[in-house]
Amino acid sequence: MHHLSHLKSSSGTRCSRLVSKKLFDATCGKHCGTVHYATPSMAKGAIHDASVSQHIWYNDYTPSQRGNILLKASTLIRDSHFEELVEREVLDTSRTAAEIRGYDVNSASECLAYYSHLPSIISHGTAHNIDNSLAYTLREPIGVTVGIGAWNYPLMNAISKSAPALAFGNAMVYKPAEMTPGSALLLADIYEEAGVPSGVFQVLLGDGKSVQEWNLLDNEIVGKISFTGSVETGRKIDEYVSKNNPNFPKVTLELGGKSPLIIMEDCKDRLEDAVDAAMSANWYSNGQVCSNGTRVFVHESIKDEFVEQLVEKTSRLQIGHPMDSEIDIGPMISRSHMERVLEYIEVGKHVDHATLLYGGKRLGTEASDFGHEDGYYLSPAIFTNCRDNMRIVQEEIFGMVMSVLTFRDEEEVISRANGSTFGLAAGIYTNSLTQAHRMASNLDAGTVWINNYNLGPVELPFGGNKQSGRGRENGSSEAVYEWTKNKSVYIEMN
């Protein structure tokens, strides 16, 4: 049984028992821990501490010294806390241990290593001779920043926000999702062990309502807010900040998606690879990924063979306890989310009148022989005979629900792929490099994958267009822009 406390920083944990939330094990539905929420006074103190500590972090530590500390944190993740983080992520998210070992923890270490070097090698400004006078620009830290993470990738959310923030001399107050708080608390311990000063990175535990109660968003000290989550919540945050924070802090929003994956006709000779990509784009992380390519457009000439291979391969996937190394798919994050996905499957069958070709059922009830009674397990759902205006095709479900659509030519599929309120990502499978470049330039998406899907190296910026958000995370020049502010200086030389 885990009991997680309100506020964590390198100065320790302060607890109060005013508000708490139970955590449940998604593999069996049983109570497995309790989260104790921070109070408004704790949040106010965290912001104050962050402001004081940020001045020390930026003024008393050189870029190289800050970088060395982050590099040490990277090493600690890889060499000392790897399995601890894997177990915490599995317990919180119910994603498979094999997936988390292969991606999340390694990527977290790589992200810190990448940003540990940037402040020292990227120019912080430019100099100009204007009318015999000297003019130059500086890049300076924003100051106190706030990060708000989502529940599907808790460790990577915390790292992708805090690593560049701290590297460029900012402090961060971070609120993880209420269902997945463990990794952020461990990260605070790792930063402390690496030498990050007290107060520079702090974790506040709470739910969505807590953020407003804490006055995080309208606090004049806060210079930037980075949010990952739903479109609905992102819109509320943006509107609240614009109305209530007089200093207009930067707001970065990494929101939802309903991304297209396009399988072109010339993929007939490598259809198995395209099927694997579609499975990765839909079943990865139990389907709970904002960038997933859930609208799968398949050229009409290869649709039947594609679907046949897709069903056959999906039926071989192993569903079960996420700590089992042989398992491909774990349970949904929570009972309520499982029920939401099941409701969409019913919509697909009875409202949209699409054909449920495979799966879409709950597993693990007492009446079944699945072996994980009362867990939040679902079988992947494959719908065919889909149309663009169906709810299951247009709305983000955030679960293992794939819609297969057919098309005739490139012009048609580009138009239909862009016919969404989202613009987070897209995928293309084709043997033609010319066609791939042309299609990529015409797709309205923040990321386009060609002959692969859902790869996310820290070197490349990530973010969306339209209702998928504003701003970018990761990358180098984008990180400088997102986590620093510009100052112009003009010196009269006459």
Protein backbone atom coordinates (compact mmCIF):
# COMPACT_ATOMS: atom_id res chain seq x y z
CA MET A 1 0.00 0.00 0.00
CA HIS A 2 1.46 3.34 -1.07
CA HIS A 3 0.83 6.67 0.67
CA LEU A 4 2.04 9.65 -1.35
CA SER A 5 2.34 13.08 0.20
CA HIS A 6 1.40 16.56 -0.89
CA LEU A 7 4.54 18.52 -1.59
CA LYS A 8 7.95 17.21 -2.51
CA SER A 9 11.15 19.10 -3.14
CA SER A 10 14.78 18.63 -2.28
CA SER A 11 14.00 20.16 1.10
CA GLY A 12 11.76 17.24 2.00
CA THR A 13 8.06 16.44 2.24
CA ARG A 14 5.40 18.44 4.05
CA CYS A 15 2.13 16.68 4.73
CA SER A 16 -1.38 17.52 5.74
CA ARG A 17 -4.40 15.22 5.70
CA LEU A 18 -7.13 17.62 4.63
CA VAL A 19 -7.87 16.05 1.22
CA SER A 20 -6.88 12.63 -0.06
CA LYS A 21 -7.65 10.33 -3.00
CA LYS A 22 -7.53 6.57 -3.22
CA LEU A 23 -5.49 4.87 -5.94
CA PHE A 24 -6.62 1.59 -7.49
CA ASP A 25 -4.66 -1.23 -9.10
CA ALA A 26 -5.91 -1.48 -12.69
CA THR A 27 -4.95 -5.16 -12.86
CA CYS A 28 -7.48 -6.17 -10.21
CA GLY A 29 -9.53 -3.10 -9.28
CA LYS A 30 -8.36 -3.13 -5.66
CA HIS A 31 -7.30 -0.17 -3.50
CA CYS A 32 -3.50 0.09 -3.67
CA GLY A 33 -2.64 3.46 -2.17
CA THR A 34 -3.63 6.97 -1.18
CA VAL A 35 -2.58 10.40 -2.41
CA HIS A 36 -2.69 13.28 0.05
CA TYR A 37 -3.28 16.60 -1.72
CA ALA A 38 -1.37 19.80 -1.11
CA THR A 39 -3.14 22.75 0.48
CA PRO A 40 -3.28 26.30 -0.94
CA SER A 41 -0.80 27.46 1.69
CA MET A 42 1.65 24.76 0.61
CA ALA A 43 1.28 25.81 -3.01
CA LYS A 44 1.87 29.47 -2.10
CA GLY A 45 4.98 28.45 -0.19
CA ALA A 46 6.20 26.35 -3.12
CA ILE A 47 5.95 29.31 -5.51
CA HIS A 48 7.78 31.56 -3.05
CA ASP A 49 10.53 28.96 -2.53
CA ALA A 50 10.84 28.48 -6.27
CA SER A 51 11.29 32.24 -6.78
CA VAL A 52 14.06 32.45 -4.20
CA SER A 53 15.79 29.28 -5.40
CA GLN A 54 15.62 30.23 -9.07
CA HIS A 55 17.80 33.30 -8.51
CA ILE A 56 20.41 31.10 -6.84
CA TRP A 57 20.17 28.43 -9.55
CA TYR A 58 20.73 30.94 -12.36
CA ASN A 59 23.09 33.44 -10.78
CA ASP A 60 25.30 31.18 -8.64
CA TYR A 61 25.60 28.24 -11.06
CA THR A 62 27.20 28.55 -14.49
CA PRO A 63 25.55 26.85 -17.49
CA SER A 64 28.22 24.15 -17.30
CA GLN A 65 27.58 23.56 -13.60
CA ARG A 66 23.85 23.29 -14.16
CA GLY A 67 24.52 20.96 -17.07
CA ASN A 68 26.77 18.72 -14.99
CA ILE A 69 24.07 18.39 -12.36
CA LEU A 70 21.48 17.40 -14.97
CA LEU A 71 23.96 14.98 -16.51
CA LYS A 72 24.42 13.39 -13.10
CA ALA A 73 20.63 13.06 -12.80
CA SER A 74 20.66 11.33 -16.19
CA THR A 75 23.27 8.88 -14.96
CA LEU A 76 21.39 8.24 -11.73
CA ILE A 77 18.25 7.34 -13.67
CA ARG A 78 20.16 4.92 -15.88
CA ASP A 79 22.46 3.35 -13.28
CA SER A 80 20.73 3.63 -9.90
CA HIS A 81 16.98 4.11 -10.27
CA PHE A 82 16.09 2.34 -13.51
CA GLU A 83 14.06 -0.58 -12.15
CA GLU A 84 12.55 1.56 -9.41
CA LEU A 85 11.17 3.91 -12.05
CA VAL A 86 9.93 0.99 -14.18
CA GLU A 87 7.99 -0.46 -11.25
CA ARG A 88 6.53 2.93 -10.35
CA GLU A 89 5.42 3.60 -13.93
CA VAL A 90 3.81 0.16 -14.23
CA LEU A 91 1.99 0.56 -10.93
CA ASP A 92 0.70 4.01 -11.87
CA THR A 93 -0.10 3.57 -15.57
CA SER A 94 -0.58 -0.21 -16.07
CA ARG A 95 1.46 0.01 -19.27
CA THR A 96 3.70 -3.00 -19.81
CA ALA A 97 7.08 -3.18 -18.10
CA ALA A 98 8.69 -4.22 -21.39
CA GLU A 99 7.45 -1.03 -23.07
CA ILE A 100 8.53 1.20 -20.19
CA ARG A 101 11.96 -0.41 -20.02
CA GLY A 102 12.37 -0.06 -23.76
CA TYR A 103 11.25 3.54 -24.05
CA ASP A 104 10.30 5.67 -21.04
CA VAL A 105 13.18 5.30 -18.61
CA ASN A 106 15.88 5.26 -21.28
CA SER A 107 14.31 8.30 -22.95
CA ALA A 108 14.14 10.13 -19.64
CA SER A 109 17.87 9.62 -19.13
CA GLU A 110 18.61 10.67 -22.73
CA CYS A 111 16.47 13.80 -22.41
CA LEU A 112 18.38 15.00 -19.36
CA ALA A 113 21.71 14.25 -21.03
CA TYR A 114 20.64 16.17 -24.15
CA TYR A 115 19.58 19.31 -22.27
CA SER A 116 22.58 19.19 -19.95
CA HIS A 117 24.77 20.35 -22.86
CA LEU A 118 22.54 22.87 -24.62
CA PRO A 119 22.94 25.97 -22.39
CA SER A 120 26.71 25.92 -22.85
CA ILE A 121 26.80 25.46 -26.63
CA ILE A 122 23.80 27.47 -27.85
CA SER A 123 24.39 31.18 -28.27
CA HIS A 124 22.35 33.23 -25.84
CA GLY A 125 22.24 36.26 -28.08
CA THR A 126 23.51 38.12 -31.14
CA ALA A 127 25.53 41.32 -31.52
CA HIS A 128 25.14 43.99 -34.21
CA ASN A 129 26.90 47.24 -35.18
CA ILE A 130 24.09 49.72 -35.83
CA ASP A 131 24.99 53.32 -36.69
CA ASN A 132 28.38 52.88 -35.01
CA SER A 133 26.67 51.70 -31.83
CA LEU A 134 26.56 48.25 -30.30
CA ALA A 135 23.29 46.35 -30.09
CA TYR A 136 22.92 42.81 -28.81
CA THR A 137 20.33 40.39 -27.49
CA LEU A 138 20.31 38.12 -24.47
CA ARG A 139 18.38 34.98 -23.71
CA GLU A 140 17.47 34.89 -20.03
CA PRO A 141 15.45 32.41 -17.95
CA ILE A 142 11.76 33.05 -17.55
CA GLY A 143 11.97 32.50 -13.79
CA VAL A 144 9.33 30.41 -12.04
CA THR A 145 7.51 27.97 -14.31
CA VAL A 146 4.61 25.58 -13.75
CA GLY A 147 4.35 22.15 -15.34
CA ILE A 148 1.11 20.14 -15.40
CA GLY A 149 1.40 16.56 -16.63
CA ALA A 150 -0.89 13.92 -18.10
CA TRP A 151 -1.42 10.42 -16.76
CA ASN A 152 -0.29 8.29 -19.72
CA TYR A 153 3.45 9.13 -19.65
CA PRO A 154 4.07 10.52 -16.16
CA LEU A 155 7.86 10.21 -16.13
CA MET A 156 8.39 11.59 -19.63
CA ASN A 157 5.94 14.43 -19.01
CA ALA A 158 7.87 15.49 -15.92
CA ILE A 159 11.24 15.14 -17.65
CA SER A 160 10.33 16.84 -20.95
CA LYS A 161 9.13 19.89 -19.05
CA SER A 162 11.65 20.08 -16.23
CA ALA A 163 14.86 19.19 -18.11
CA PRO A 164 14.89 22.22 -20.47
CA ALA A 165 13.36 24.46 -17.81
CA LEU A 166 16.13 23.71 -15.33
CA ALA A 167 18.86 23.65 -17.97
CA PHE A 168 18.17 27.28 -18.90
CA GLY A 169 18.09 28.44 -15.29
CA ASN A 170 14.38 28.30 -14.42
CA ALA A 171 12.68 26.77 -11.41
CA MET A 172 9.61 24.54 -11.78
CA VAL A 173 6.61 23.70 -9.64
CA TYR A 174 5.20 20.51 -11.13
CA LYS A 175 1.79 18.90 -10.72
CA PRO A 176 1.52 15.34 -12.00
CA ALA A 177 -1.82 13.81 -12.89
CA GLU A 178 -3.68 12.68 -9.76
CA MET A 179 -3.76 9.04 -10.93
CA THR A 180 -0.02 8.81 -11.67
CA PRO A 181 1.98 10.84 -9.12
CA GLY A 182 4.76 8.42 -8.26
CA SER A 183 7.38 9.07 -10.93
CA ALA A 184 7.44 12.84 -10.38
CA LEU A 185 8.11 12.28 -6.67
CA LEU A 186 10.97 9.93 -7.52
CA LEU A 187 12.31 12.48 -9.99
CA ALA A 188 12.40 15.11 -7.22
CA ASP A 189 14.52 12.70 -5.17
CA ILE A 190 16.84 12.11 -8.13
CA TYR A 191 17.29 15.84 -8.74
CA GLU A 192 18.13 16.28 -5.07
CA GLU A 193 20.64 13.43 -5.22
CA ALA A 194 22.24 14.98 -8.30
CA GLY A 195 22.69 18.36 -6.58
CA VAL A 196 19.77 20.51 -7.75
CA PRO A 197 19.28 23.14 -5.00
CA SER A 198 16.28 22.96 -2.71
CA GLY A 199 13.18 24.58 -4.17
CA VAL A 200 14.26 24.53 -7.83
CA PHE A 201 12.05 21.53 -8.64
CA GLN A 202 9.00 20.90 -6.49
CA VAL A 203 6.07 18.52 -6.88
CA LEU A 204 2.55 19.38 -5.77
CA LEU A 205 -0.01 16.58 -5.59
CA GLY A 206 -3.63 17.34 -6.35
CA ASP A 207 -6.37 17.09 -8.96
CA GLY A 208 -7.60 19.50 -11.62
CA LYS A 209 -9.58 21.57 -9.13
CA SER A 210 -6.50 21.92 -6.94
CA VAL A 211 -4.66 23.93 -9.60
CA GLN A 212 -7.21 26.73 -9.39
CA GLU A 213 -7.54 26.50 -5.60
CA TRP A 214 -3.77 26.82 -5.29
CA ASN A 215 -3.79 30.01 -7.44
CA LEU A 216 -0.98 28.60 -9.55
CA LEU A 217 -2.32 29.94 -12.83
CA ASP A 218 -2.99 33.52 -11.71
CA ASN A 219 0.11 33.91 -9.54
CA GLU A 220 2.06 36.92 -10.85
CA ILE A 221 5.37 35.23 -10.07
CA VAL A 222 4.71 32.44 -12.59
CA GLY A 223 6.19 33.26 -16.01
CA LYS A 224 5.29 30.11 -17.96
CA ILE A 225 2.77 27.29 -17.77
CA SER A 226 3.29 24.06 -19.70
CA PHE A 227 0.26 21.76 -19.82
CA THR A 228 -0.22 18.30 -21.30
CA GLY A 229 -3.74 16.87 -21.34
CA SER A 230 -7.16 17.15 -22.90
CA VAL A 231 -8.39 19.86 -25.25
CA GLU A 232 -11.18 20.76 -22.84
CA THR A 233 -8.83 21.32 -19.91
CA GLY A 234 -6.24 23.07 -22.06
CA ARG A 235 -8.84 25.52 -23.30
CA LYS A 236 -9.97 26.23 -19.73
CA ILE A 237 -6.39 26.85 -18.60
CA ASP A 238 -5.70 29.19 -21.51
CA GLU A 239 -8.87 31.20 -20.92
CA TYR A 240 -8.34 31.36 -17.16
CA VAL A 241 -4.75 32.54 -17.47
CA SER A 242 -5.62 35.23 -20.04
CA LYS A 243 -8.38 36.60 -17.81
CA ASN A 244 -6.78 36.28 -14.38
CA ASN A 245 -3.01 36.57 -14.65
CA PRO A 246 -2.08 40.24 -15.26
CA ASN A 247 1.42 39.40 -16.49
CA PHE A 248 0.44 37.26 -19.51
CA PRO A 249 2.71 34.27 -18.83
CA LYS A 250 3.64 31.98 -21.71
CA VAL A 251 1.25 29.05 -22.04
CA THR A 252 2.29 25.88 -23.88
CA LEU A 253 -0.50 23.38 -24.59
CA GLU A 254 0.17 19.80 -25.73
CA LEU A 255 -3.34 18.47 -26.23
CA GLY A 256 -5.25 15.72 -28.00
CA GLY A 257 -5.29 14.20 -31.43
CA LYS A 258 -7.13 12.00 -33.89
CA SER A 259 -4.27 11.33 -36.21
CA PRO A 260 -4.39 9.76 -39.68
CA LEU A 261 -2.17 6.89 -40.80
CA ILE A 262 -2.18 6.55 -44.60
CA ILE A 263 -1.27 3.25 -46.30
CA MET A 264 -0.60 3.88 -49.99
CA GLU A 265 -1.25 1.41 -52.83
CA ASP A 266 2.44 0.79 -53.52
CA CYS A 267 2.82 -0.84 -50.08
CA LYS A 268 1.35 -4.10 -51.34
CA ASP A 269 4.78 -5.77 -51.40
CA ARG A 270 5.51 -4.69 -47.81
CA LEU A 271 2.03 -4.84 -46.35
CA GLU A 272 3.19 -6.67 -43.23
CA ASP A 273 5.31 -3.65 -42.27
CA ALA A 274 2.31 -1.35 -42.77
CA VAL A 275 0.15 -3.61 -40.60
CA ASP A 276 2.81 -3.53 -37.87
CA ALA A 277 2.84 0.27 -38.07
CA ALA A 278 -0.95 0.43 -37.74
CA MET A 279 -0.79 -1.82 -34.68
CA SER A 280 1.92 0.31 -33.10
CA ALA A 281 -0.10 3.42 -33.93
CA ASN A 282 -3.16 2.04 -32.13
CA TRP A 283 -2.31 -0.60 -29.52
CA TYR A 284 0.90 0.96 -28.13
CA SER A 285 0.56 2.02 -24.49
CA ASN A 286 -2.80 0.23 -24.37
CA GLY A 287 -4.06 2.75 -26.91
CA GLN A 288 -3.70 5.67 -24.49
CA VAL A 289 -1.49 7.97 -26.59
CA CYS A 290 -2.47 11.42 -27.89
CA SER A 291 -0.59 10.97 -31.16
CA ASN A 292 -1.99 7.53 -32.03
CA GLY A 293 -2.98 7.05 -35.66
CA THR A 294 -6.51 5.83 -35.02
CA ARG A 295 -7.85 6.88 -38.44
CA VAL A 296 -6.20 4.28 -40.69
CA PHE A 297 -6.68 5.14 -44.37
CA VAL A 298 -5.93 2.13 -46.59
CA HIS A 299 -5.97 2.25 -50.39
CA GLU A 300 -9.05 0.41 -51.60
CA SER A 301 -7.01 -2.04 -53.70
CA ILE A 302 -5.18 -3.50 -50.67
CA LYS A 303 -7.81 -3.01 -47.96
CA ASP A 304 -9.03 -6.63 -47.75
CA GLU A 305 -5.54 -8.11 -47.45
CA PHE A 306 -4.53 -5.40 -44.99
CA VAL A 307 -7.52 -6.07 -42.73
CA GLU A 308 -6.99 -9.83 -42.89
CA GLN A 309 -3.39 -9.51 -41.72
CA LEU A 310 -4.36 -6.91 -39.12
CA VAL A 311 -6.96 -9.12 -37.46
CA GLU A 312 -4.69 -12.17 -37.55
CA LYS A 313 -1.75 -10.33 -35.96
CA THR A 314 -3.90 -8.53 -33.38
CA SER A 315 -5.46 -11.82 -32.29
CA ARG A 316 -1.99 -13.11 -31.37
CA LEU A 317 -1.27 -10.27 -28.92
CA GLN A 318 -0.99 -11.30 -25.29
CA ILE A 319 -3.13 -9.33 -22.83
CA GLY A 320 -2.45 -9.57 -19.11
CA HIS A 321 -0.51 -8.29 -16.10
CA PRO A 322 1.87 -5.54 -17.25
CA MET A 323 4.79 -6.83 -15.17
CA ASP A 324 4.79 -10.08 -17.16
CA SER A 325 7.57 -9.86 -19.75
CA GLU A 326 5.54 -11.87 -22.28
CA ILE A 327 2.59 -9.46 -22.22
CA ASP A 328 1.90 -7.01 -25.06
CA ILE A 329 -1.12 -5.12 -23.64
CA GLY A 330 -2.09 -4.25 -20.07
CA PRO A 331 -5.32 -2.83 -18.62
CA MET A 332 -6.83 0.61 -19.05
CA ILE A 333 -5.70 3.26 -16.55
CA SER A 334 -8.95 3.26 -14.52
CA ARG A 335 -12.45 1.86 -14.36
CA SER A 336 -13.98 5.17 -15.51
CA HIS A 337 -11.68 5.35 -18.52
CA MET A 338 -12.39 1.73 -19.43
CA GLU A 339 -16.10 2.50 -19.30
CA ARG A 340 -15.59 5.56 -21.51
CA VAL A 341 -13.83 3.46 -24.17
CA LEU A 342 -16.56 0.79 -23.99
CA GLU A 343 -19.19 3.51 -24.47
CA TYR A 344 -17.45 4.63 -27.66
CA ILE A 345 -17.39 1.07 -28.92
CA GLU A 346 -21.15 0.93 -28.40
CA VAL A 347 -21.46 4.23 -30.26
CA GLY A 348 -19.48 2.77 -33.13
CA LYS A 349 -21.79 -0.24 -33.34
CA HIS A 350 -25.21 1.27 -32.68
CA VAL A 351 -24.98 5.00 -33.53
CA ASP A 352 -22.35 5.14 -36.27
CA HIS A 353 -23.32 1.68 -37.59
CA ALA A 354 -19.74 0.77 -38.38
CA THR A 355 -18.73 -2.90 -38.43
CA LEU A 356 -16.92 -4.14 -35.33
CA LEU A 357 -14.69 -6.68 -37.05
CA TYR A 358 -12.65 -7.70 -34.03
CA GLY A 359 -12.47 -7.26 -30.24
CA GLY A 360 -13.98 -4.38 -28.33
CA LYS A 361 -14.93 -6.41 -25.28
CA ARG A 362 -14.10 -6.26 -21.62
CA LEU A 363 -11.93 -9.07 -20.31
CA GLY A 364 -11.35 -10.29 -16.80
CA THR A 365 -14.84 -10.37 -15.29
CA GLU A 366 -15.62 -13.13 -12.83
CA ALA A 367 -17.65 -14.98 -15.46
CA SER A 368 -14.68 -15.32 -17.84
CA ASP A 369 -11.59 -17.54 -17.87
CA PHE A 370 -9.26 -14.63 -18.61
CA GLY A 371 -7.60 -14.95 -15.21
CA HIS A 372 -7.53 -11.32 -14.06
CA GLU A 373 -10.90 -10.87 -12.40
CA ASP A 374 -12.13 -7.29 -12.06
CA GLY A 375 -9.16 -5.77 -13.86
CA TYR A 376 -9.72 -3.00 -16.42
CA TYR A 377 -8.81 -5.10 -19.46
CA LEU A 378 -10.16 -4.61 -22.98
CA SER A 379 -9.49 -6.40 -26.24
CA PRO A 380 -8.42 -4.07 -29.10
CA ALA A 381 -11.35 -2.98 -31.29
CA ILE A 382 -11.10 -2.88 -35.09
CA PHE A 383 -13.93 -1.11 -36.95
CA THR A 384 -14.43 -1.27 -40.72
CA ASN A 385 -17.04 0.26 -43.02
CA CYS A 386 -16.25 3.62 -41.43
CA ARG A 387 -17.11 7.09 -42.73
CA ASP A 388 -15.40 10.38 -42.00
CA ASN A 389 -18.38 11.87 -40.16
CA MET A 390 -18.71 9.07 -37.62
CA ARG A 391 -18.10 9.92 -33.97
CA ILE A 392 -15.57 7.11 -33.56
CA VAL A 393 -13.66 8.59 -36.53
CA GLN A 394 -13.78 12.25 -35.46
CA GLU A 395 -13.61 12.20 -31.64
CA GLU A 396 -10.56 11.34 -29.54
CA ILE A 397 -11.29 8.11 -27.66
CA PHE A 398 -7.87 7.54 -26.06
CA GLY A 399 -8.18 3.79 -26.16
CA MET A 400 -7.66 0.80 -28.43
CA VAL A 401 -10.30 1.66 -31.04
CA MET A 402 -9.11 1.68 -34.67
CA SER A 403 -11.21 2.96 -37.58
CA VAL A 404 -10.24 1.57 -40.99
CA LEU A 405 -11.21 3.75 -43.96
CA THR A 406 -10.56 3.34 -47.67
CA PHE A 407 -9.50 5.87 -50.33
CA ARG A 408 -8.78 6.01 -54.07
CA ASP A 409 -6.03 8.58 -54.63
CA GLU A 410 -3.55 10.90 -52.92
CA GLU A 411 -5.53 14.11 -53.36
CA GLU A 412 -8.62 12.56 -51.80
CA VAL A 413 -6.84 11.07 -48.80
CA ILE A 414 -4.92 14.26 -48.00
CA SER A 415 -8.16 16.24 -47.95
CA ARG A 416 -9.87 13.69 -45.72
CA ALA A 417 -6.86 13.28 -43.43
CA ASN A 418 -6.85 17.04 -42.85
CA GLY A 419 -10.59 17.03 -42.22
CA SER A 420 -10.24 17.01 -38.46
CA THR A 421 -10.26 19.59 -35.68
CA PHE A 422 -6.93 18.10 -34.55
CA GLY A 423 -3.47 18.43 -36.07
CA LEU A 424 -1.06 16.62 -33.78
CA ALA A 425 0.48 13.93 -35.96
CA ALA A 426 0.15 11.87 -39.14
CA GLY A 427 1.76 8.81 -40.69
CA ILE A 428 2.45 7.74 -44.28
CA TYR A 429 3.44 4.32 -45.60
CA THR A 430 4.74 4.43 -49.17
CA ASN A 431 7.65 3.17 -51.30
CA SER A 432 7.94 6.53 -53.08
CA LEU A 433 10.22 9.06 -51.43
CA THR A 434 8.91 11.79 -53.75
CA GLN A 435 5.34 11.01 -52.79
CA ALA A 436 6.27 10.89 -49.11
CA HIS A 437 7.78 14.39 -49.16
CA ARG A 438 4.86 15.79 -51.13
CA MET A 439 2.27 14.30 -48.80
CA ALA A 440 4.17 15.35 -45.68
CA SER A 441 4.19 18.97 -46.84
CA ASN A 442 0.42 18.86 -47.43
CA LEU A 443 -0.62 17.25 -44.14
CA ASP A 444 -1.68 19.67 -41.40
CA ALA A 445 0.16 18.05 -38.50
CA GLY A 446 2.92 18.93 -36.06
CA THR A 447 4.72 15.62 -36.71
CA VAL A 448 4.64 13.37 -39.79
CA TRP A 449 6.08 9.86 -39.60
CA ILE A 450 7.06 8.15 -42.85
CA ASN A 451 7.28 4.34 -42.88
CA ASN A 452 7.25 4.27 -39.07
CA TYR A 453 5.04 5.61 -36.28
CA ASN A 454 5.16 7.04 -32.75
CA LEU A 455 8.91 7.61 -32.61
CA GLY A 456 9.79 10.61 -30.44
CA PRO A 457 13.49 11.50 -30.18
CA VAL A 458 14.21 14.42 -27.86
CA GLU A 459 16.11 16.18 -30.65
CA LEU A 460 12.89 16.84 -32.59
CA PRO A 461 10.20 19.26 -31.38
CA PHE A 462 6.77 17.83 -30.64
CA GLY A 463 3.43 19.59 -30.57
CA GLY A 464 0.28 20.13 -32.56
CA ASN A 465 -1.69 22.43 -34.83
CA LYS A 466 -5.34 23.47 -34.59
CA GLN A 467 -7.01 22.09 -31.45
CA SER A 468 -4.02 19.87 -30.71
CA GLY A 469 -2.29 22.73 -28.96
CA ARG A 470 0.17 25.60 -29.04
CA GLY A 471 3.93 25.68 -28.80
CA ARG A 472 6.40 22.81 -28.89
CA GLU A 473 8.27 20.61 -26.45
CA ASN A 474 11.66 18.96 -27.06
CA GLY A 475 14.11 20.10 -29.72
CA SER A 476 16.91 22.62 -29.30
CA SER A 477 16.04 26.02 -30.79
CA GLU A 478 12.40 25.48 -29.84
CA ALA A 479 13.42 24.79 -26.24
CA VAL A 480 15.44 28.02 -26.14
CA TYR A 481 12.38 29.95 -27.30
CA GLU A 482 9.93 28.13 -25.02
CA TRP A 483 11.99 28.30 -21.81
CA THR A 484 13.80 31.65 -22.06
CA LYS A 485 12.90 35.26 -22.77
CA ASN A 486 14.64 37.72 -25.05
CA LYS A 487 16.23 41.01 -23.96
CA SER A 488 17.58 43.59 -26.43
CA VAL A 489 20.40 45.92 -25.33
CA TYR A 490 21.51 49.06 -27.24
CA ILE A 491 24.76 50.83 -26.29
CA GLU A 492 25.50 54.30 -27.63
CA MET A 493 29.17 54.32 -28.70
CA ASN A 494 29.49 57.96 -29.96
